[in-house]
């Protein structure tokens, strides 16, 4: 009987995850941005952690000194601390 219950739980879980199309890579959040203004661009930047993303937004050299107001808005939307 315990074996039958266990099998039913496994089948139910499998159907749930299959029907939702949940993949492990969908659970990993990616932090990225790309801004431009006037005649400059930050370039495309992508990070695996929120901390790395926030640090990059504050980095003027990395971002070619470009789109400071856009980067600041993004920082205050997702990051803590001061820009």
N, C-alpha and C. Protein backbone atom coordinates (compact mmCIF):
# COMPACT_ATOMS: atom_id res chain seq x y z
N UNK A 1 0.82 -1.19 0.00
CA UNK A 1 0.00 0.00 0.00
C UNK A 1 0.87 1.26 0.00
N UNK A 2 1.93 1.28 0.84
CA UNK A 2 2.82 2.44 0.87
C UNK A 2 3.48 2.65 -0.48
N UNK A 3 3.81 1.55 -1.13
CA UNK A 3 4.45 1.64 -2.44
C UNK A 3 3.49 2.27 -3.46
N UNK A 4 2.23 1.92 -3.40
CA UNK A 4 1.23 2.47 -4.31
C UNK A 4 1.06 3.97 -4.08
N UNK A 5 1.00 4.39 -2.83
CA UNK A 5 0.86 5.82 -2.51
C UNK A 5 2.08 6.58 -3.01
N UNK A 6 3.24 6.04 -2.78
CA UNK A 6 4.48 6.67 -3.24
C UNK A 6 4.48 6.82 -4.76
N UNK A 7 4.07 5.80 -5.47
CA UNK A 7 4.02 5.85 -6.93
C UNK A 7 3.02 6.90 -7.40
N UNK A 8 1.88 6.98 -6.75
CA UNK A 8 0.88 7.98 -7.11
C UNK A 8 1.41 9.40 -6.89
N UNK A 9 2.14 9.61 -5.82
CA UNK A 9 2.73 10.92 -5.55
C UNK A 9 3.75 11.27 -6.63
N UNK A 10 4.58 10.31 -7.00
CA UNK A 10 5.58 10.56 -8.05
C UNK A 10 4.92 10.88 -9.39
N UNK A 11 3.89 10.15 -9.72
CA UNK A 11 3.19 10.39 -10.99
C UNK A 11 2.52 11.76 -10.98
N UNK A 12 1.90 12.12 -9.88
CA UNK A 12 1.25 13.43 -9.76
C UNK A 12 2.28 14.55 -9.88
N UNK A 13 3.40 14.42 -9.20
CA UNK A 13 4.45 15.44 -9.27
C UNK A 13 4.99 15.55 -10.69
N UNK A 14 5.21 14.43 -11.34
CA UNK A 14 5.71 14.43 -12.71
C UNK A 14 4.73 15.12 -13.65
N UNK A 15 3.45 14.83 -13.51
CA UNK A 15 2.44 15.48 -14.35
C UNK A 15 2.38 16.98 -14.08
N UNK A 16 2.51 17.37 -12.84
CA UNK A 16 2.48 18.80 -12.49
C UNK A 16 3.62 19.54 -13.16
N UNK A 17 4.84 19.05 -13.00
CA UNK A 17 5.99 19.74 -13.56
C UNK A 17 6.02 19.68 -15.08
N UNK A 18 5.55 18.58 -15.64
CA UNK A 18 5.50 18.46 -17.09
C UNK A 18 4.45 19.40 -17.68
N UNK A 19 3.31 19.50 -17.05
CA UNK A 19 2.23 20.35 -17.57
C UNK A 19 2.57 21.82 -17.43
N UNK A 20 3.37 22.19 -16.45
CA UNK A 20 3.76 23.59 -16.26
C UNK A 20 4.99 23.96 -17.08
N UNK A 21 5.62 22.96 -17.67
CA UNK A 21 6.85 23.18 -18.44
C UNK A 21 7.92 23.91 -17.63
N UNK A 22 8.07 23.55 -16.40
CA UNK A 22 9.09 24.16 -15.55
C UNK A 22 10.41 23.44 -15.81
N UNK A 23 11.41 24.23 -16.16
CA UNK A 23 12.75 23.70 -16.41
C UNK A 23 13.70 24.31 -15.39
N UNK A 24 14.71 23.60 -14.98
CA UNK A 24 15.65 24.15 -13.99
C UNK A 24 16.24 25.49 -14.42
N UNK A 25 16.55 25.65 -15.71
CA UNK A 25 17.13 26.91 -16.16
C UNK A 25 16.15 28.07 -16.06
N UNK A 26 14.84 27.78 -16.01
CA UNK A 26 13.84 28.84 -15.84
C UNK A 26 13.83 29.38 -14.42
N UNK A 27 14.38 28.63 -13.48
CA UNK A 27 14.38 29.05 -12.09
C UNK A 27 15.57 29.96 -11.75
N UNK A 28 16.53 30.05 -12.65
CA UNK A 28 17.71 30.89 -12.44
C UNK A 28 17.40 32.27 -13.00
N UNK A 29 17.55 33.28 -12.15
CA UNK A 29 17.28 34.64 -12.59
C UNK A 29 18.53 35.26 -13.21
N UNK A 30 18.34 35.93 -14.30
CA UNK A 30 19.44 36.61 -14.98
C UNK A 30 19.23 38.10 -14.84
N UNK A 31 20.27 38.81 -14.51
CA UNK A 31 20.22 40.26 -14.34
C UNK A 31 21.01 40.88 -15.47
N UNK A 32 20.35 41.65 -16.33
CA UNK A 32 21.05 42.24 -17.46
C UNK A 32 20.49 43.62 -17.77
N UNK A 33 21.29 44.39 -18.51
CA UNK A 33 20.83 45.70 -18.95
C UNK A 33 21.66 46.15 -20.14
N UNK A 34 21.10 47.09 -20.85
CA UNK A 34 21.77 47.77 -21.96
C UNK A 34 21.06 49.10 -22.15
N UNK A 35 21.78 50.19 -22.02
CA UNK A 35 21.20 51.52 -22.13
C UNK A 35 21.97 52.34 -23.15
N UNK A 36 21.28 53.30 -23.71
CA UNK A 36 21.94 54.26 -24.60
C UNK A 36 21.26 55.61 -24.44
N UNK A 37 22.03 56.63 -24.74
CA UNK A 37 21.50 57.98 -24.76
C UNK A 37 22.40 58.82 -25.65
N UNK A 38 21.80 59.76 -26.36
CA UNK A 38 22.55 60.63 -27.27
C UNK A 38 23.46 59.77 -28.15
N UNK A 39 24.77 59.91 -27.99
CA UNK A 39 25.72 59.20 -28.85
C UNK A 39 26.57 58.18 -28.10
N UNK A 40 26.05 57.67 -26.98
CA UNK A 40 26.83 56.67 -26.25
C UNK A 40 25.95 55.49 -25.84
N UNK A 41 26.61 54.38 -25.55
CA UNK A 41 25.93 53.15 -25.11
C UNK A 41 26.71 52.52 -23.96
N UNK A 42 25.96 51.88 -23.06
CA UNK A 42 26.63 51.17 -21.97
C UNK A 42 27.20 49.85 -22.45
N UNK A 43 26.65 49.33 -23.52
CA UNK A 43 26.95 47.96 -23.94
C UNK A 43 26.01 47.03 -23.20
N UNK A 44 25.97 45.79 -23.62
CA UNK A 44 25.12 44.78 -22.97
C UNK A 44 25.91 44.14 -21.84
N UNK A 45 25.29 44.09 -20.66
CA UNK A 45 25.93 43.47 -19.50
C UNK A 45 24.96 42.49 -18.87
N UNK A 46 25.43 41.31 -18.52
CA UNK A 46 24.60 40.27 -17.93
C UNK A 46 25.31 39.66 -16.73
N UNK A 47 24.53 39.39 -15.69
CA UNK A 47 25.10 38.90 -14.43
C UNK A 47 24.24 37.79 -13.83
N UNK A 48 24.86 36.93 -13.04
CA UNK A 48 24.14 35.83 -12.39
C UNK A 48 23.61 36.22 -11.02
N UNK A 49 24.12 37.30 -10.45
CA UNK A 49 23.67 37.69 -9.11
C UNK A 49 23.21 39.15 -9.11
N UNK A 50 22.30 39.43 -8.21
CA UNK A 50 21.81 40.80 -8.07
C UNK A 50 22.93 41.71 -7.60
N UNK A 51 23.79 41.24 -6.73
CA UNK A 51 24.89 42.05 -6.24
C UNK A 51 25.82 42.49 -7.37
N UNK A 52 26.17 41.59 -8.25
CA UNK A 52 27.04 41.93 -9.38
C UNK A 52 26.35 42.93 -10.31
N UNK A 53 25.07 42.74 -10.52
CA UNK A 53 24.27 43.66 -11.35
C UNK A 53 24.28 45.06 -10.76
N UNK A 54 24.06 45.16 -9.47
CA UNK A 54 24.01 46.46 -8.80
C UNK A 54 25.37 47.16 -8.83
N UNK A 55 26.43 46.40 -8.61
CA UNK A 55 27.77 46.97 -8.66
C UNK A 55 28.07 47.50 -10.07
N UNK A 56 27.67 46.76 -11.08
CA UNK A 56 27.93 47.18 -12.46
C UNK A 56 27.16 48.44 -12.81
N UNK A 57 25.94 48.57 -12.33
CA UNK A 57 25.17 49.77 -12.62
C UNK A 57 25.88 51.02 -12.11
N UNK A 58 26.59 50.89 -11.00
CA UNK A 58 27.29 52.04 -10.41
C UNK A 58 28.63 52.33 -11.07
N UNK A 59 29.11 51.44 -11.89
CA UNK A 59 30.45 51.54 -12.45
C UNK A 59 30.46 52.38 -13.74
N UNK A 60 30.92 53.63 -13.63
CA UNK A 60 30.95 54.53 -14.78
C UNK A 60 31.92 54.06 -15.87
N UNK A 61 33.05 53.51 -15.49
CA UNK A 61 34.03 53.05 -16.48
C UNK A 61 33.45 51.89 -17.29
N UNK A 62 32.86 50.92 -16.63
CA UNK A 62 32.25 49.77 -17.31
C UNK A 62 31.18 50.22 -18.29
N UNK A 63 30.45 51.26 -17.92
CA UNK A 63 29.32 51.73 -18.72
C UNK A 63 29.66 52.91 -19.63
N UNK A 64 30.94 53.12 -19.86
CA UNK A 64 31.40 54.18 -20.76
C UNK A 64 30.90 55.56 -20.35
N UNK A 65 30.63 55.76 -19.07
CA UNK A 65 30.13 57.04 -18.58
C UNK A 65 28.78 57.40 -19.16
N UNK A 66 28.05 56.43 -19.61
CA UNK A 66 26.81 56.65 -20.36
C UNK A 66 25.55 56.30 -19.55
N UNK A 67 24.47 56.96 -19.88
CA UNK A 67 23.13 56.64 -19.38
C UNK A 67 23.07 56.60 -17.86
N UNK A 68 23.70 57.54 -17.21
CA UNK A 68 23.76 57.56 -15.75
C UNK A 68 22.37 57.61 -15.13
N UNK A 69 21.47 58.44 -15.64
CA UNK A 69 20.12 58.55 -15.07
C UNK A 69 19.35 57.24 -15.22
N UNK A 70 19.48 56.57 -16.35
CA UNK A 70 18.80 55.29 -16.57
C UNK A 70 19.36 54.22 -15.64
N UNK A 71 20.67 54.21 -15.48
CA UNK A 71 21.30 53.23 -14.58
C UNK A 71 20.89 53.49 -13.13
N UNK A 72 20.81 54.75 -12.78
CA UNK A 72 20.41 55.11 -11.42
C UNK A 72 18.97 54.67 -11.15
N UNK A 73 18.08 54.88 -12.09
CA UNK A 73 16.69 54.43 -11.94
C UNK A 73 16.64 52.91 -11.77
N UNK A 74 17.39 52.19 -12.59
CA UNK A 74 17.42 50.73 -12.49
C UNK A 74 17.96 50.30 -11.14
N UNK A 75 18.99 50.99 -10.66
CA UNK A 75 19.59 50.67 -9.37
C UNK A 75 18.55 50.81 -8.26
N UNK A 76 17.85 51.93 -8.22
CA UNK A 76 16.89 52.16 -7.14
C UNK A 76 15.64 51.27 -7.26
N UNK A 77 15.40 50.71 -8.44
CA UNK A 77 14.28 49.78 -8.59
C UNK A 77 14.58 48.40 -8.06
N UNK A 78 15.84 47.97 -8.09
CA UNK A 78 16.16 46.60 -7.72
C UNK A 78 17.23 46.44 -6.66
N UNK A 79 17.99 47.49 -6.40
CA UNK A 79 19.15 47.37 -5.51
C UNK A 79 18.94 48.14 -4.22
N UNK A 80 19.76 47.85 -3.25
CA UNK A 80 19.71 48.62 -1.99
C UNK A 80 21.01 49.40 -1.85
N UNK A 81 20.98 50.39 -1.00
CA UNK A 81 22.16 51.23 -0.81
C UNK A 81 22.03 52.50 -1.62
N UNK A 82 23.17 53.15 -1.81
CA UNK A 82 23.14 54.40 -2.56
C UNK A 82 23.90 54.24 -3.86
N UNK A 83 23.46 54.95 -4.85
CA UNK A 83 24.06 54.92 -6.18
C UNK A 83 25.32 55.76 -6.15
